[in-house]
Amino acid sequence: MGPLVDEYKRKFALGDQPQAANINIDLVKGIVAQLSMPSYHSSQEVMQTPIRERIEMLSPAITARQEMKNPTPDVAASLGGAIEIPALTFAKAFERFKIIAANNVRIPRLPCYG
């Protein structure tokens, strides 16, 4: 029984692979790009999509998964939509606003005390 226990311990050990707590949206987007998938979809986004569109949305992930023997936890999270897409922060929203409506943004100049 000892050799079997050791074998399954090795199979279930994650070693140096990222733990679930270390997986974030930036990592997931990088993996999706590396796998040449068109985009990442969170599980919530998939569930809110009509079934016909859902099949089309999930096809690249299913195809990529079929080609892998043992995906790492970060790859599995990327394929399965396990990470929620974070809300846009105010700072990022303002940066986008400055690009979209550049003529509506006026940043006052502070007097220089040189």
N, C-alpha and C. Protein backbone atom coordinates (compact mmCIF):
# COMPACT_ATOMS: atom_id res chain seq x y z
N MET A 1 0.82 -1.19 0.00
CA MET A 1 0.00 0.00 0.00
C MET A 1 0.87 1.27 0.00
N GLY A 2 2.05 1.19 0.62
CA GLY A 2 2.95 2.33 0.69
C GLY A 2 3.29 2.93 -0.67
N PRO A 3 3.70 2.10 -1.66
CA PRO A 3 4.01 2.66 -2.98
C PRO A 3 2.81 3.36 -3.64
N LEU A 4 1.62 2.81 -3.42
CA LEU A 4 0.42 3.45 -3.98
C LEU A 4 0.17 4.81 -3.33
N VAL A 5 0.32 4.89 -2.02
CA VAL A 5 0.14 6.16 -1.32
C VAL A 5 1.13 7.19 -1.85
N ASP A 6 2.39 6.78 -2.01
CA ASP A 6 3.41 7.69 -2.54
C ASP A 6 3.07 8.14 -3.97
N GLU A 7 2.60 7.20 -4.77
CA GLU A 7 2.25 7.54 -6.16
C GLU A 7 1.13 8.58 -6.20
N TYR A 8 0.11 8.39 -5.39
CA TYR A 8 -1.01 9.34 -5.42
C TYR A 8 -0.66 10.66 -4.74
N LYS A 9 0.22 10.62 -3.78
CA LYS A 9 0.70 11.88 -3.20
C LYS A 9 1.40 12.71 -4.27
N ARG A 10 2.21 12.04 -5.10
CA ARG A 10 2.90 12.74 -6.19
C ARG A 10 1.90 13.27 -7.21
N LYS A 11 0.88 12.49 -7.52
CA LYS A 11 -0.11 12.91 -8.50
C LYS A 11 -0.89 14.14 -8.04
N PHE A 12 -1.17 14.20 -6.73
CA PHE A 12 -1.98 15.30 -6.22
C PHE A 12 -1.17 16.47 -5.71
N ALA A 13 0.13 16.30 -5.61
CA ALA A 13 0.98 17.40 -5.13
C ALA A 13 1.05 18.49 -6.18
N LEU A 14 1.01 19.76 -5.74
CA LEU A 14 1.07 20.88 -6.67
C LEU A 14 2.48 21.40 -6.84
N GLY A 15 3.37 21.08 -5.93
CA GLY A 15 4.75 21.51 -6.05
C GLY A 15 4.90 23.02 -6.17
N ASP A 16 5.59 23.46 -7.21
CA ASP A 16 5.84 24.89 -7.42
C ASP A 16 4.73 25.59 -8.18
N GLN A 17 3.66 24.89 -8.49
CA GLN A 17 2.59 25.51 -9.26
C GLN A 17 1.82 26.50 -8.39
N PRO A 18 1.24 27.53 -9.01
CA PRO A 18 0.52 28.52 -8.23
C PRO A 18 -0.67 27.93 -7.49
N GLN A 19 -0.87 28.37 -6.28
CA GLN A 19 -2.03 27.97 -5.51
C GLN A 19 -3.20 28.87 -5.92
N ALA A 20 -4.41 28.46 -5.60
CA ALA A 20 -5.59 29.23 -6.00
C ALA A 20 -5.51 30.67 -5.51
N ALA A 21 -4.94 30.90 -4.34
CA ALA A 21 -4.86 32.25 -3.78
C ALA A 21 -3.93 33.15 -4.60
N ASN A 22 -3.01 32.57 -5.35
CA ASN A 22 -2.05 33.35 -6.13
C ASN A 22 -2.52 33.62 -7.57
N ILE A 23 -3.64 33.06 -7.95
CA ILE A 23 -4.13 33.22 -9.31
C ILE A 23 -4.95 34.51 -9.37
N ASN A 24 -4.59 35.39 -10.31
CA ASN A 24 -5.31 36.65 -10.45
C ASN A 24 -5.64 36.90 -11.91
N ILE A 25 -6.40 37.94 -12.17
CA ILE A 25 -6.88 38.20 -13.53
C ILE A 25 -5.75 38.46 -14.51
N ASP A 26 -4.67 39.12 -14.06
CA ASP A 26 -3.55 39.38 -14.97
C ASP A 26 -2.88 38.08 -15.39
N LEU A 27 -2.69 37.17 -14.44
CA LEU A 27 -2.11 35.86 -14.74
C LEU A 27 -3.00 35.10 -15.72
N VAL A 28 -4.30 35.12 -15.46
CA VAL A 28 -5.26 34.42 -16.31
C VAL A 28 -5.25 34.99 -17.73
N LYS A 29 -5.23 36.31 -17.86
CA LYS A 29 -5.19 36.91 -19.20
C LYS A 29 -3.93 36.53 -19.94
N GLY A 30 -2.81 36.44 -19.24
CA GLY A 30 -1.56 36.01 -19.86
C GLY A 30 -1.64 34.58 -20.35
N ILE A 31 -2.24 33.72 -19.57
CA ILE A 31 -2.39 32.31 -19.96
C ILE A 31 -3.30 32.18 -21.16
N VAL A 32 -4.40 32.91 -21.15
CA VAL A 32 -5.34 32.88 -22.27
C VAL A 32 -4.64 33.34 -23.56
N ALA A 33 -3.84 34.38 -23.46
CA ALA A 33 -3.10 34.86 -24.63
C ALA A 33 -2.08 33.82 -25.08
N GLN A 34 -1.42 33.19 -24.11
CA GLN A 34 -0.40 32.17 -24.42
C GLN A 34 -1.03 30.97 -25.12
N LEU A 35 -2.26 30.65 -24.76
CA LEU A 35 -2.97 29.53 -25.37
C LEU A 35 -3.66 29.92 -26.68
N SER A 36 -3.47 31.17 -27.09
CA SER A 36 -4.07 31.70 -28.32
C SER A 36 -5.59 31.60 -28.32
N MET A 37 -6.18 31.79 -27.16
CA MET A 37 -7.64 31.82 -27.07
C MET A 37 -8.09 33.25 -27.33
N PRO A 38 -9.26 33.44 -27.94
CA PRO A 38 -9.68 34.78 -28.28
C PRO A 38 -9.87 35.71 -27.09
N SER A 39 -10.43 35.21 -26.00
CA SER A 39 -10.60 36.05 -24.81
C SER A 39 -10.97 35.18 -23.62
N TYR A 40 -10.93 35.79 -22.44
CA TYR A 40 -11.28 35.11 -21.20
C TYR A 40 -12.72 35.45 -20.83
N HIS A 41 -13.46 34.47 -20.37
CA HIS A 41 -14.83 34.68 -19.92
C HIS A 41 -14.97 34.11 -18.52
N SER A 42 -15.43 34.93 -17.58
CA SER A 42 -15.65 34.43 -16.23
C SER A 42 -16.86 33.50 -16.24
N SER A 43 -16.96 32.63 -15.23
CA SER A 43 -18.08 31.69 -15.17
C SER A 43 -19.40 32.45 -15.08
N GLN A 44 -19.41 33.59 -14.40
CA GLN A 44 -20.63 34.40 -14.28
C GLN A 44 -21.06 34.91 -15.66
N GLU A 45 -20.09 35.37 -16.44
CA GLU A 45 -20.38 35.86 -17.79
C GLU A 45 -20.93 34.72 -18.66
N VAL A 46 -20.35 33.54 -18.54
CA VAL A 46 -20.80 32.39 -19.32
C VAL A 46 -22.23 32.02 -18.94
N MET A 47 -22.53 32.02 -17.65
CA MET A 47 -23.87 31.64 -17.19
C MET A 47 -24.94 32.62 -17.65
N GLN A 48 -24.58 33.87 -17.87
CA GLN A 48 -25.55 34.88 -18.28
C GLN A 48 -25.75 34.92 -19.80
N THR A 49 -25.00 34.12 -20.53
CA THR A 49 -25.05 34.11 -21.99
C THR A 49 -26.03 33.04 -22.46
N PRO A 50 -26.82 33.34 -23.50
CA PRO A 50 -27.72 32.31 -24.05
C PRO A 50 -26.92 31.08 -24.48
N ILE A 51 -27.56 29.93 -24.44
CA ILE A 51 -26.88 28.65 -24.65
C ILE A 51 -26.17 28.57 -26.01
N ARG A 52 -26.77 29.02 -27.07
CA ARG A 52 -26.13 28.94 -28.38
C ARG A 52 -24.82 29.72 -28.40
N GLU A 53 -24.84 30.92 -27.82
CA GLU A 53 -23.63 31.74 -27.75
C GLU A 53 -22.63 31.15 -26.75
N ARG A 54 -23.13 30.51 -25.71
CA ARG A 54 -22.28 29.92 -24.69
C ARG A 54 -21.41 28.82 -25.29
N ILE A 55 -21.98 28.01 -26.16
CA ILE A 55 -21.22 26.93 -26.79
C ILE A 55 -20.08 27.52 -27.61
N GLU A 56 -20.38 28.55 -28.37
CA GLU A 56 -19.35 29.21 -29.17
C GLU A 56 -18.29 29.85 -28.28
N MET A 57 -18.73 30.41 -27.15
CA MET A 57 -17.83 31.08 -26.22
C MET A 57 -16.86 30.09 -25.57
N LEU A 58 -17.34 28.89 -25.26
CA LEU A 58 -16.54 27.90 -24.54
C LEU A 58 -15.72 26.99 -25.44
N SER A 59 -16.01 26.96 -26.72
CA SER A 59 -15.32 26.04 -27.63
C SER A 59 -13.80 26.16 -27.59
N PRO A 60 -13.21 27.38 -27.63
CA PRO A 60 -11.74 27.45 -27.59
C PRO A 60 -11.15 26.87 -26.30
N ALA A 61 -11.81 27.07 -25.17
CA ALA A 61 -11.31 26.54 -23.90
C ALA A 61 -11.41 25.01 -23.88
N ILE A 62 -12.49 24.49 -24.39
CA ILE A 62 -12.67 23.03 -24.43
C ILE A 62 -11.63 22.40 -25.35
N THR A 63 -11.40 23.01 -26.50
CA THR A 63 -10.40 22.50 -27.44
C THR A 63 -9.01 22.53 -26.81
N ALA A 64 -8.68 23.66 -26.16
CA ALA A 64 -7.37 23.77 -25.51
C ALA A 64 -7.21 22.72 -24.42
N ARG A 65 -8.26 22.50 -23.64
CA ARG A 65 -8.21 21.53 -22.54
C ARG A 65 -8.02 20.11 -23.05
N GLN A 66 -8.64 19.77 -24.17
CA GLN A 66 -8.53 18.42 -24.72
C GLN A 66 -7.10 18.11 -25.15
N GLU A 67 -6.32 19.14 -25.46
CA GLU A 67 -4.95 18.93 -25.91
C GLU A 67 -3.96 18.80 -24.75
N MET A 68 -4.41 19.03 -23.52
CA MET A 68 -3.52 19.00 -22.34
C MET A 68 -3.73 17.72 -21.55
N LYS A 69 -2.62 17.19 -21.07
CA LYS A 69 -2.71 16.01 -20.20
C LYS A 69 -3.03 16.42 -18.76
N ASN A 70 -2.19 17.26 -18.20
CA ASN A 70 -2.33 17.66 -16.81
C ASN A 70 -2.20 19.18 -16.67
N PRO A 71 -3.31 19.90 -16.85
CA PRO A 71 -3.20 21.36 -16.73
C PRO A 71 -2.89 21.77 -15.29
N THR A 72 -2.10 22.80 -15.15
CA THR A 72 -1.78 23.33 -13.83
C THR A 72 -3.01 24.05 -13.28
N PRO A 73 -3.06 24.32 -11.99
CA PRO A 73 -4.23 25.02 -11.42
C PRO A 73 -4.50 26.36 -12.07
N ASP A 74 -3.45 27.09 -12.44
CA ASP A 74 -3.68 28.39 -13.07
C ASP A 74 -4.27 28.24 -14.47
N VAL A 75 -3.84 27.22 -15.20
CA VAL A 75 -4.39 26.97 -16.53
C VAL A 75 -5.84 26.49 -16.41
N ALA A 76 -6.11 25.61 -15.45
CA ALA A 76 -7.48 25.13 -15.23
C ALA A 76 -8.40 26.29 -14.87
N ALA A 77 -7.93 27.20 -14.03
CA ALA A 77 -8.73 28.37 -13.65
C ALA A 77 -8.99 29.25 -14.86
N SER A 78 -8.01 29.36 -15.74
CA SER A 78 -8.16 30.18 -16.94
C SER A 78 -9.16 29.57 -17.91
N LEU A 79 -9.09 28.27 -18.08
CA LEU A 79 -10.00 27.60 -19.01
C LEU A 79 -11.41 27.51 -18.45
N GLY A 80 -11.52 27.39 -17.13
CA GLY A 80 -12.83 27.21 -16.51
C GLY A 80 -13.53 28.48 -16.10
N GLY A 81 -12.91 29.62 -16.32
CA GLY A 81 -13.56 30.88 -15.97
C GLY A 81 -13.68 31.09 -14.47
N ALA A 82 -12.71 30.59 -13.72
CA ALA A 82 -12.80 30.60 -12.26
C ALA A 82 -12.52 31.96 -11.62
N ILE A 83 -11.89 32.85 -12.35
CA ILE A 83 -11.53 34.16 -11.78
C ILE A 83 -12.51 35.20 -12.27
N GLU A 84 -13.07 35.96 -11.34
CA GLU A 84 -13.99 37.02 -11.73
C GLU A 84 -13.21 38.19 -12.30
N ILE A 85 -13.77 38.82 -13.30
CA ILE A 85 -13.14 39.99 -13.89
C ILE A 85 -13.40 41.16 -12.95
N PRO A 86 -12.33 41.80 -12.46
CA PRO A 86 -12.53 42.87 -11.48
C PRO A 86 -13.19 44.10 -12.09
N ALA A 87 -13.86 44.85 -11.23
CA ALA A 87 -14.49 46.09 -11.67
C ALA A 87 -13.41 47.08 -12.06
N LEU A 88 -13.76 48.02 -12.88
CA LEU A 88 -12.83 49.05 -13.29
C LEU A 88 -12.61 50.01 -12.12
N THR A 89 -11.36 50.23 -11.77
CA THR A 89 -11.07 51.15 -10.68
C THR A 89 -11.29 52.58 -11.16
N PHE A 90 -11.45 53.50 -10.22
CA PHE A 90 -11.66 54.90 -10.58
C PHE A 90 -10.47 55.44 -11.36
N ALA A 91 -9.28 55.10 -10.94
CA ALA A 91 -8.08 55.58 -11.62
C ALA A 91 -8.03 55.10 -13.07
N LYS A 92 -8.34 53.81 -13.30
CA LYS A 92 -8.35 53.29 -14.66
C LYS A 92 -9.49 53.89 -15.48
N ALA A 93 -10.63 54.09 -14.83
CA ALA A 93 -11.77 54.71 -15.52
C ALA A 93 -11.41 56.13 -15.96
N PHE A 94 -10.72 56.88 -15.10
CA PHE A 94 -10.34 58.24 -15.44
C PHE A 94 -9.33 58.26 -16.58
N GLU A 95 -8.39 57.31 -16.58
CA GLU A 95 -7.43 57.21 -17.67
C GLU A 95 -8.14 56.95 -19.00
N ARG A 96 -9.12 56.08 -18.97
CA ARG A 96 -9.89 55.80 -20.19
C ARG A 96 -10.70 57.01 -20.61
N PHE A 97 -11.28 57.71 -19.62
CA PHE A 97 -12.07 58.90 -19.91
C PHE A 97 -11.20 59.96 -20.58
N LYS A 98 -9.97 60.12 -20.09
CA LYS A 98 -9.06 61.11 -20.67
C LYS A 98 -8.76 60.79 -22.13
N ILE A 99 -8.73 59.54 -22.48
CA ILE A 99 -8.48 59.14 -23.87
C ILE A 99 -9.72 59.38 -24.72
N ILE A 100 -10.86 58.95 -24.19
CA ILE A 100 -12.11 59.06 -24.94
C ILE A 100 -12.56 60.51 -25.10
N ALA A 101 -12.48 61.28 -24.04
CA ALA A 101 -12.97 62.67 -24.05
C ALA A 101 -11.85 63.62 -23.67
N ALA A 102 -10.77 63.57 -24.41
CA ALA A 102 -9.58 64.37 -24.07
C ALA A 102 -9.87 65.86 -24.01
N ASN A 103 -10.77 66.35 -24.87
CA ASN A 103 -11.06 67.79 -24.86
C ASN A 103 -11.94 68.21 -23.68
N ASN A 104 -12.47 67.28 -22.92
CA ASN A 104 -13.30 67.61 -21.75
C ASN A 104 -12.52 67.56 -20.44
N VAL A 105 -11.26 67.21 -20.50
CA VAL A 105 -10.45 67.08 -19.29
C VAL A 105 -9.50 68.26 -19.20
N ARG A 106 -9.64 68.99 -18.14
CA ARG A 106 -8.73 70.12 -17.90
C ARG A 106 -8.07 69.91 -16.54
N ILE A 107 -6.80 69.75 -16.57
CA ILE A 107 -6.06 69.57 -15.31
C ILE A 107 -5.43 70.91 -14.98
N PRO A 108 -5.83 71.49 -13.86
CA PRO A 108 -5.32 72.82 -13.51
C PRO A 108 -3.82 72.77 -13.22
N ARG A 109 -3.15 73.81 -13.63
CA ARG A 109 -1.71 73.92 -13.34
C ARG A 109 -1.55 74.60 -12.00
N LEU A 110 -0.72 74.03 -11.19
CA LEU A 110 -0.44 74.61 -9.89
C LEU A 110 0.69 75.62 -10.04
N PRO A 111 0.63 76.68 -9.26
CA PRO A 111 1.71 77.66 -9.36
C PRO A 111 3.04 77.04 -8.95
N CYS A 112 4.05 77.44 -9.61
CA CYS A 112 5.40 76.93 -9.35
C CYS A 112 6.10 77.87 -8.35
N TYR A 113 6.63 77.32 -7.30
CA TYR A 113 7.37 78.11 -6.30
C TYR A 113 8.83 77.73 -6.41
N GLY A 114 9.47 78.19 -7.40
CA GLY A 114 10.76 77.76 -7.70
C GLY A 114 11.94 78.34 -7.17
